[in-house]
Amino acid sequence: MSDSSACISLEQTGKNHGYRDRDVCAFCPVNHCCIEGGPDRLDSIIDMRSLSKDLKQMGLDVIYSRDAGRYLCDFVYYCSLHHGHVRAAFIHVPASGSMATPDRLVPLLQTVIQAMLNQLEALQTSLAKLFNQIY
């Protein structure tokens, strides 16, 4: 959840470094990073920029983001991208306001997640065709 946003944010990038604030349990990562020796940043296999454009054309209130915030959200996202080999997604949803009601969020999130799955299916189909052409 995002306290500062009035719409859904589709996060593209997780960052490994820059974690200086303690969480609610007073934990702060060693050396202020998620994964020692990991890449500085990881991008989701999902193209969040094109996805957000497509969803905006459908009239949905979403934005593209490359900064999940250098706190728990970004930490969790980076770790998910790292351990999932960039097959992960992170969606920030508003914590309050008219968009934060289940009646608004549930159908919107269903549409966003289905669009992500459609994009992944198209990518898989393209890769299969390319593979078949090579072999």
N, C-alpha and C. Protein backbone atom coordinates (compact mmCIF):
# COMPACT_ATOMS: atom_id res chain seq x y z
N MET A 1 0.84 -1.19 0.00
CA MET A 1 0.00 0.00 0.00
C MET A 1 0.87 1.24 0.00
N SER A 2 0.39 2.23 -0.68
CA SER A 2 1.11 3.49 -0.75
C SER A 2 0.27 4.59 -0.12
N ASP A 3 0.84 5.25 0.87
CA ASP A 3 0.13 6.37 1.50
C ASP A 3 0.10 7.60 0.62
N SER A 4 1.04 7.70 -0.31
CA SER A 4 1.18 8.94 -1.07
C SER A 4 0.53 8.90 -2.44
N SER A 5 -0.08 7.81 -2.83
CA SER A 5 -0.62 7.71 -4.18
C SER A 5 -2.14 7.60 -4.16
N ALA A 6 -2.75 8.19 -5.18
CA ALA A 6 -4.20 8.12 -5.32
C ALA A 6 -4.60 7.13 -6.41
N CYS A 7 -3.61 6.47 -7.02
CA CYS A 7 -3.91 5.49 -8.07
C CYS A 7 -2.95 4.30 -7.91
N ILE A 8 -3.15 3.32 -8.75
CA ILE A 8 -2.30 2.13 -8.73
C ILE A 8 -0.99 2.43 -9.46
N SER A 9 0.12 1.99 -8.87
CA SER A 9 1.44 2.15 -9.49
C SER A 9 1.98 0.78 -9.87
N LEU A 10 2.38 0.63 -11.12
CA LEU A 10 3.00 -0.60 -11.60
C LEU A 10 4.51 -0.41 -11.52
N GLU A 11 5.15 -1.14 -10.65
CA GLU A 11 6.58 -0.98 -10.40
C GLU A 11 7.40 -1.82 -11.37
N GLN A 12 8.37 -1.20 -12.03
CA GLN A 12 9.23 -1.89 -12.99
C GLN A 12 10.49 -2.44 -12.33
N THR A 13 11.07 -1.67 -11.41
CA THR A 13 12.43 -1.91 -10.95
C THR A 13 12.51 -2.10 -9.44
N GLY A 14 13.30 -3.07 -9.04
CA GLY A 14 13.66 -3.23 -7.63
C GLY A 14 15.12 -2.86 -7.47
N LYS A 15 15.45 -2.18 -6.40
CA LYS A 15 16.83 -1.72 -6.18
C LYS A 15 17.46 -2.45 -5.00
N ASN A 16 18.73 -2.77 -5.16
CA ASN A 16 19.45 -3.55 -4.16
C ASN A 16 20.03 -2.70 -3.03
N HIS A 17 20.36 -1.46 -3.30
CA HIS A 17 21.08 -0.63 -2.32
C HIS A 17 20.26 0.57 -1.88
N GLY A 18 20.66 1.15 -0.75
CA GLY A 18 20.08 2.40 -0.29
C GLY A 18 19.10 2.26 0.86
N TYR A 19 19.07 1.11 1.50
CA TYR A 19 18.13 0.87 2.59
C TYR A 19 18.75 1.32 3.91
N ARG A 20 18.31 2.45 4.42
CA ARG A 20 18.91 3.03 5.63
C ARG A 20 17.92 3.10 6.79
N ASP A 21 16.64 3.06 6.51
CA ASP A 21 15.63 3.16 7.57
C ASP A 21 15.33 1.79 8.16
N ARG A 22 15.10 1.77 9.45
CA ARG A 22 14.73 0.53 10.13
C ARG A 22 13.24 0.26 9.93
N ASP A 23 12.90 -1.03 9.87
CA ASP A 23 11.49 -1.39 9.75
C ASP A 23 10.85 -1.39 11.14
N VAL A 24 9.61 -1.84 11.25
CA VAL A 24 8.89 -1.80 12.53
C VAL A 24 9.51 -2.71 13.59
N CYS A 25 10.34 -3.66 13.17
CA CYS A 25 11.04 -4.53 14.11
C CYS A 25 12.47 -4.05 14.37
N ALA A 26 12.77 -2.83 13.93
CA ALA A 26 14.09 -2.20 14.09
C ALA A 26 15.18 -2.88 13.28
N PHE A 27 14.80 -3.58 12.21
CA PHE A 27 15.77 -4.24 11.34
C PHE A 27 16.17 -3.30 10.20
N CYS A 28 17.45 -3.28 9.92
CA CYS A 28 17.98 -2.59 8.74
C CYS A 28 18.98 -3.55 8.10
N PRO A 29 18.88 -3.77 6.79
CA PRO A 29 19.75 -4.75 6.14
C PRO A 29 21.24 -4.42 6.33
N VAL A 30 22.03 -5.47 6.45
CA VAL A 30 23.48 -5.33 6.53
C VAL A 30 23.97 -4.62 5.27
N ASN A 31 24.85 -3.69 5.44
CA ASN A 31 25.41 -2.91 4.32
C ASN A 31 24.34 -2.19 3.52
N HIS A 32 23.16 -2.04 4.08
CA HIS A 32 22.06 -1.29 3.47
C HIS A 32 21.66 -1.84 2.10
N CYS A 33 21.78 -3.16 1.92
CA CYS A 33 21.37 -3.76 0.65
C CYS A 33 20.58 -5.04 0.89
N CYS A 34 19.85 -5.45 -0.14
CA CYS A 34 19.01 -6.65 -0.05
C CYS A 34 19.83 -7.92 -0.15
N ILE A 35 20.60 -8.03 -1.23
CA ILE A 35 21.35 -9.25 -1.54
C ILE A 35 22.81 -8.87 -1.77
N GLU A 36 23.69 -9.29 -0.86
CA GLU A 36 25.13 -9.01 -1.03
C GLU A 36 25.60 -9.56 -2.37
N GLY A 37 26.25 -8.73 -3.16
CA GLY A 37 26.78 -9.15 -4.45
C GLY A 37 25.75 -9.19 -5.57
N GLY A 38 24.49 -8.86 -5.26
CA GLY A 38 23.46 -8.85 -6.29
C GLY A 38 23.57 -7.62 -7.18
N PRO A 39 22.93 -7.65 -8.35
CA PRO A 39 22.94 -6.48 -9.23
C PRO A 39 22.34 -5.26 -8.52
N ASP A 40 22.76 -4.07 -8.93
CA ASP A 40 22.25 -2.84 -8.32
C ASP A 40 20.74 -2.72 -8.46
N ARG A 41 20.21 -3.18 -9.59
CA ARG A 41 18.77 -3.11 -9.81
C ARG A 41 18.34 -4.29 -10.67
N LEU A 42 17.08 -4.65 -10.54
CA LEU A 42 16.50 -5.71 -11.37
C LEU A 42 15.17 -5.20 -11.90
N ASP A 43 14.91 -5.48 -13.17
CA ASP A 43 13.65 -5.11 -13.80
C ASP A 43 12.81 -6.35 -14.03
N SER A 44 11.52 -6.21 -13.82
CA SER A 44 10.58 -7.30 -14.06
C SER A 44 10.58 -7.66 -15.54
N ILE A 45 10.34 -8.93 -15.82
CA ILE A 45 10.18 -9.38 -17.20
C ILE A 45 8.94 -8.74 -17.84
N ILE A 46 8.01 -8.31 -17.01
CA ILE A 46 6.80 -7.64 -17.50
C ILE A 46 7.16 -6.20 -17.85
N ASP A 47 6.76 -5.77 -19.02
CA ASP A 47 7.00 -4.39 -19.46
C ASP A 47 5.91 -3.50 -18.87
N MET A 48 6.20 -2.98 -17.69
CA MET A 48 5.20 -2.18 -16.97
C MET A 48 4.87 -0.87 -17.68
N ARG A 49 5.82 -0.32 -18.42
CA ARG A 49 5.57 0.92 -19.14
C ARG A 49 4.49 0.71 -20.21
N SER A 50 4.67 -0.31 -21.04
CA SER A 50 3.66 -0.55 -22.09
C SER A 50 2.35 -1.02 -21.48
N LEU A 51 2.43 -1.78 -20.40
CA LEU A 51 1.22 -2.24 -19.72
C LEU A 51 0.43 -1.05 -19.18
N SER A 52 1.12 -0.10 -18.55
CA SER A 52 0.42 1.07 -18.01
C SER A 52 -0.20 1.90 -19.12
N LYS A 53 0.50 2.02 -20.26
CA LYS A 53 -0.07 2.76 -21.40
C LYS A 53 -1.34 2.08 -21.90
N ASP A 54 -1.28 0.75 -22.04
CA ASP A 54 -2.46 0.00 -22.51
C ASP A 54 -3.63 0.15 -21.54
N LEU A 55 -3.34 0.07 -20.26
CA LEU A 55 -4.40 0.17 -19.25
C LEU A 55 -4.98 1.59 -19.19
N LYS A 56 -4.13 2.59 -19.37
CA LYS A 56 -4.63 3.98 -19.41
C LYS A 56 -5.55 4.18 -20.60
N GLN A 57 -5.21 3.57 -21.73
CA GLN A 57 -6.07 3.68 -22.92
C GLN A 57 -7.43 3.03 -22.67
N MET A 58 -7.47 2.08 -21.75
CA MET A 58 -8.74 1.45 -21.37
C MET A 58 -9.49 2.30 -20.35
N GLY A 59 -8.89 3.42 -19.93
CA GLY A 59 -9.54 4.31 -18.97
C GLY A 59 -9.25 4.00 -17.52
N LEU A 60 -8.23 3.15 -17.27
CA LEU A 60 -7.91 2.78 -15.89
C LEU A 60 -6.89 3.74 -15.29
N ASP A 61 -7.00 3.96 -14.00
CA ASP A 61 -6.17 4.91 -13.28
C ASP A 61 -4.91 4.22 -12.76
N VAL A 62 -3.90 4.09 -13.63
CA VAL A 62 -2.64 3.45 -13.27
C VAL A 62 -1.48 4.34 -13.72
N ILE A 63 -0.35 4.20 -13.02
CA ILE A 63 0.85 4.90 -13.45
C ILE A 63 2.02 3.92 -13.46
N TYR A 64 3.01 4.24 -14.26
CA TYR A 64 4.25 3.49 -14.36
C TYR A 64 5.24 4.07 -13.36
N SER A 65 5.99 3.20 -12.67
CA SER A 65 6.95 3.67 -11.68
C SER A 65 8.22 2.83 -11.74
N ARG A 66 9.34 3.48 -11.48
CA ARG A 66 10.63 2.78 -11.39
C ARG A 66 11.23 2.92 -9.99
N ASP A 67 10.42 3.34 -9.02
CA ASP A 67 10.93 3.53 -7.67
C ASP A 67 9.87 3.12 -6.64
N ALA A 68 10.04 1.93 -6.08
CA ALA A 68 9.08 1.43 -5.10
C ALA A 68 9.34 1.97 -3.70
N GLY A 69 10.39 2.78 -3.52
CA GLY A 69 10.51 3.52 -2.28
C GLY A 69 11.63 3.25 -1.31
N ARG A 70 12.55 2.36 -1.55
CA ARG A 70 13.68 2.08 -0.67
C ARG A 70 13.27 1.76 0.76
N TYR A 71 12.18 1.09 0.91
CA TYR A 71 11.77 0.64 2.24
C TYR A 71 11.28 -0.79 2.06
N LEU A 72 10.30 -1.21 2.78
CA LEU A 72 9.85 -2.60 2.71
C LEU A 72 9.38 -3.00 1.32
N CYS A 73 8.65 -2.13 0.64
CA CYS A 73 8.11 -2.47 -0.68
C CYS A 73 9.23 -2.78 -1.66
N ASP A 74 10.20 -1.88 -1.76
CA ASP A 74 11.30 -2.07 -2.70
C ASP A 74 12.16 -3.27 -2.29
N PHE A 75 12.37 -3.44 -0.99
CA PHE A 75 13.14 -4.58 -0.48
C PHE A 75 12.48 -5.90 -0.89
N VAL A 76 11.19 -6.01 -0.64
CA VAL A 76 10.45 -7.22 -0.98
C VAL A 76 10.46 -7.45 -2.50
N TYR A 77 10.28 -6.37 -3.26
CA TYR A 77 10.25 -6.49 -4.72
C TYR A 77 11.60 -6.95 -5.25
N TYR A 78 12.68 -6.32 -4.79
CA TYR A 78 14.00 -6.72 -5.26
C TYR A 78 14.26 -8.20 -4.94
N CYS A 79 13.98 -8.60 -3.72
CA CYS A 79 14.19 -10.01 -3.33
C CYS A 79 13.35 -10.95 -4.19
N SER A 80 12.11 -10.56 -4.48
CA SER A 80 11.24 -11.38 -5.34
C SER A 80 11.79 -11.47 -6.75
N LEU A 81 12.25 -10.35 -7.29
CA LEU A 81 12.85 -10.35 -8.63
C LEU A 81 14.12 -11.21 -8.65
N HIS A 82 14.93 -11.08 -7.62
CA HIS A 82 16.18 -11.84 -7.55
C HIS A 82 15.91 -13.35 -7.48
N HIS A 83 15.09 -13.75 -6.53
CA HIS A 83 14.84 -15.18 -6.33
C HIS A 83 13.92 -15.76 -7.40
N GLY A 84 13.10 -14.92 -8.03
CA GLY A 84 12.20 -15.37 -9.09
C GLY A 84 12.78 -15.20 -10.48
N HIS A 85 14.07 -14.85 -10.56
CA HIS A 85 14.73 -14.66 -11.86
C HIS A 85 13.96 -13.67 -12.72
N VAL A 86 13.63 -12.54 -12.15
CA VAL A 86 12.90 -11.38 -12.71
C VAL A 86 11.45 -11.69 -13.10
N ARG A 87 10.95 -12.84 -12.71
CA ARG A 87 9.54 -13.18 -12.95
C ARG A 87 8.73 -12.82 -11.71
N ALA A 88 8.53 -11.53 -11.54
CA ALA A 88 7.76 -11.01 -10.40
C ALA A 88 7.15 -9.68 -10.80
N ALA A 89 6.12 -9.30 -10.06
CA ALA A 89 5.48 -8.00 -10.29
C ALA A 89 5.16 -7.39 -8.94
N PHE A 90 5.14 -6.06 -8.90
CA PHE A 90 4.77 -5.36 -7.68
C PHE A 90 3.81 -4.24 -8.05
N ILE A 91 2.67 -4.25 -7.41
CA ILE A 91 1.63 -3.25 -7.66
C ILE A 91 1.40 -2.48 -6.37
N HIS A 92 1.67 -1.19 -6.39
CA HIS A 92 1.34 -0.33 -5.25
C HIS A 92 -0.12 0.08 -5.37
N VAL A 93 -0.86 -0.10 -4.31
CA VAL A 93 -2.26 0.34 -4.29
C VAL A 93 -2.42 1.44 -3.25
N PRO A 94 -3.34 2.36 -3.47
CA PRO A 94 -3.53 3.44 -2.50
C PRO A 94 -4.05 2.91 -1.16
N ALA A 95 -3.58 3.52 -0.08
CA ALA A 95 -3.99 3.11 1.26
C ALA A 95 -5.32 3.72 1.66
N SER A 96 -5.66 4.84 1.05
CA SER A 96 -6.91 5.51 1.42
C SER A 96 -7.45 6.26 0.21
N GLY A 97 -8.64 6.81 0.37
CA GLY A 97 -9.26 7.55 -0.72
C GLY A 97 -10.28 6.71 -1.46
N SER A 98 -10.90 7.30 -2.44
CA SER A 98 -11.98 6.63 -3.16
C SER A 98 -11.49 5.40 -3.92
N MET A 99 -10.23 5.38 -4.33
CA MET A 99 -9.68 4.25 -5.07
C MET A 99 -9.40 3.05 -4.16
N ALA A 100 -9.30 3.27 -2.86
CA ALA A 100 -8.88 2.23 -1.93
C ALA A 100 -10.01 1.31 -1.47
N THR A 101 -11.20 1.46 -2.00
CA THR A 101 -12.31 0.60 -1.58
C THR A 101 -12.26 -0.73 -2.34
N PRO A 102 -12.67 -1.81 -1.72
CA PRO A 102 -12.69 -3.10 -2.41
C PRO A 102 -13.51 -3.08 -3.70
N ASP A 103 -14.61 -2.34 -3.69
CA ASP A 103 -15.45 -2.27 -4.89
C ASP A 103 -14.69 -1.69 -6.09
N ARG A 104 -13.74 -0.81 -5.84
CA ARG A 104 -12.95 -0.21 -6.92
C ARG A 104 -11.68 -1.01 -7.19
N LEU A 105 -11.02 -1.46 -6.11
CA LEU A 105 -9.73 -2.12 -6.28
C LEU A 105 -9.82 -3.51 -6.88
N VAL A 106 -10.76 -4.32 -6.43
CA VAL A 106 -10.82 -5.71 -6.88
C VAL A 106 -10.95 -5.82 -8.40
N PRO A 107 -11.93 -5.17 -9.03
CA PRO A 107 -12.02 -5.30 -10.49
C PRO A 107 -10.81 -4.68 -11.21
N LEU A 108 -10.28 -3.60 -10.66
CA LEU A 108 -9.11 -2.98 -11.28
C LEU A 108 -7.90 -3.91 -11.21
N LEU A 109 -7.67 -4.50 -10.05
CA LEU A 109 -6.55 -5.43 -9.92
C LEU A 109 -6.73 -6.68 -10.77
N GLN A 110 -7.97 -7.16 -10.89
CA GLN A 110 -8.23 -8.30 -11.77
C GLN A 110 -7.84 -7.96 -13.21
N THR A 111 -8.20 -6.77 -13.65
CA THR A 111 -7.88 -6.34 -15.01
C THR A 111 -6.37 -6.19 -15.19
N VAL A 112 -5.70 -5.59 -14.21
CA VAL A 112 -4.25 -5.40 -14.28
C VAL A 112 -3.53 -6.74 -14.32
N ILE A 113 -3.90 -7.65 -13.45
CA ILE A 113 -3.24 -8.96 -13.40
C ILE A 113 -3.51 -9.75 -14.67
N GLN A 114 -4.73 -9.69 -15.19
CA GLN A 114 -5.03 -10.38 -16.45
C GLN A 114 -4.20 -9.80 -17.59
N ALA A 115 -4.03 -8.48 -17.61
CA ALA A 115 -3.21 -7.85 -18.65
C ALA A 115 -1.75 -8.30 -18.53
N MET A 116 -1.25 -8.47 -17.30
CA MET A 116 0.10 -8.98 -17.10
C MET A 116 0.22 -10.40 -17.65
N LEU A 117 -0.76 -11.23 -17.33
CA LEU A 117 -0.74 -12.61 -17.82
C LEU A 117 -0.81 -12.67 -19.34
N ASN A 118 -1.62 -11.80 -19.94
CA ASN A 118 -1.71 -11.74 -21.40
C ASN A 118 -0.37 -11.35 -22.01
N GLN A 119 0.31 -10.38 -21.39
CA GLN A 119 1.62 -9.95 -21.88
C GLN A 119 2.63 -11.10 -21.79
N LEU A 120 2.61 -11.82 -20.68
CA LEU A 120 3.53 -12.95 -20.52
C LEU A 120 3.23 -14.06 -21.51
N GLU A 121 1.96 -14.30 -21.77
CA GLU A 121 1.58 -15.32 -22.76
C GLU A 121 2.07 -14.93 -24.15
N ALA A 122 1.92 -13.66 -24.51
CA ALA A 122 2.39 -13.18 -25.81
C ALA A 122 3.91 -13.30 -25.91
N LEU A 123 4.61 -13.00 -24.83
CA LEU A 123 6.07 -13.13 -24.80
C LEU A 123 6.48 -14.59 -24.97
N GLN A 124 5.79 -15.47 -24.28
CA GLN A 124 6.09 -16.90 -24.38
C GLN A 124 5.85 -17.41 -25.80
N THR A 125 4.76 -16.97 -26.42
CA THR A 125 4.46 -17.36 -27.80
C THR A 125 5.54 -16.86 -28.75
N SER A 126 5.97 -15.61 -28.58
CA SER A 126 7.03 -15.05 -29.42
C SER A 126 8.33 -15.82 -29.26
N LEU A 127 8.68 -16.15 -28.03
CA LEU A 127 9.91 -16.89 -27.79
C LEU A 127 9.83 -18.30 -28.37
N ALA A 128 8.67 -18.93 -28.28
CA ALA A 128 8.50 -20.27 -28.85
C ALA A 128 8.66 -20.23 -30.37
N LYS A 129 8.09 -19.21 -31.01
CA LYS A 129 8.24 -19.07 -32.47
C LYS A 129 9.70 -18.86 -32.84
N LEU A 130 10.39 -18.01 -32.10
CA LEU A 130 11.80 -17.75 -32.35
C LEU A 130 12.62 -19.03 -32.17
N PHE A 131 12.34 -19.75 -31.10
CA PHE A 131 13.04 -21.00 -30.83
C PHE A 131 12.83 -21.99 -31.98
N ASN A 132 11.60 -22.10 -32.46
CA ASN A 132 11.29 -23.02 -33.56
C ASN A 132 11.98 -22.61 -34.85
N GLN A 133 12.16 -21.32 -35.08
CA GLN A 133 12.86 -20.85 -36.27
C GLN A 133 14.35 -21.19 -36.21
N ILE A 134 14.91 -21.13 -35.02
CA ILE A 134 16.33 -21.40 -34.85
C ILE A 134 16.61 -22.90 -34.96
N TYR A 135 15.73 -23.70 -34.37
CA TYR A 135 15.96 -25.14 -34.34
C TYR A 135 14.98 -25.80 -35.23
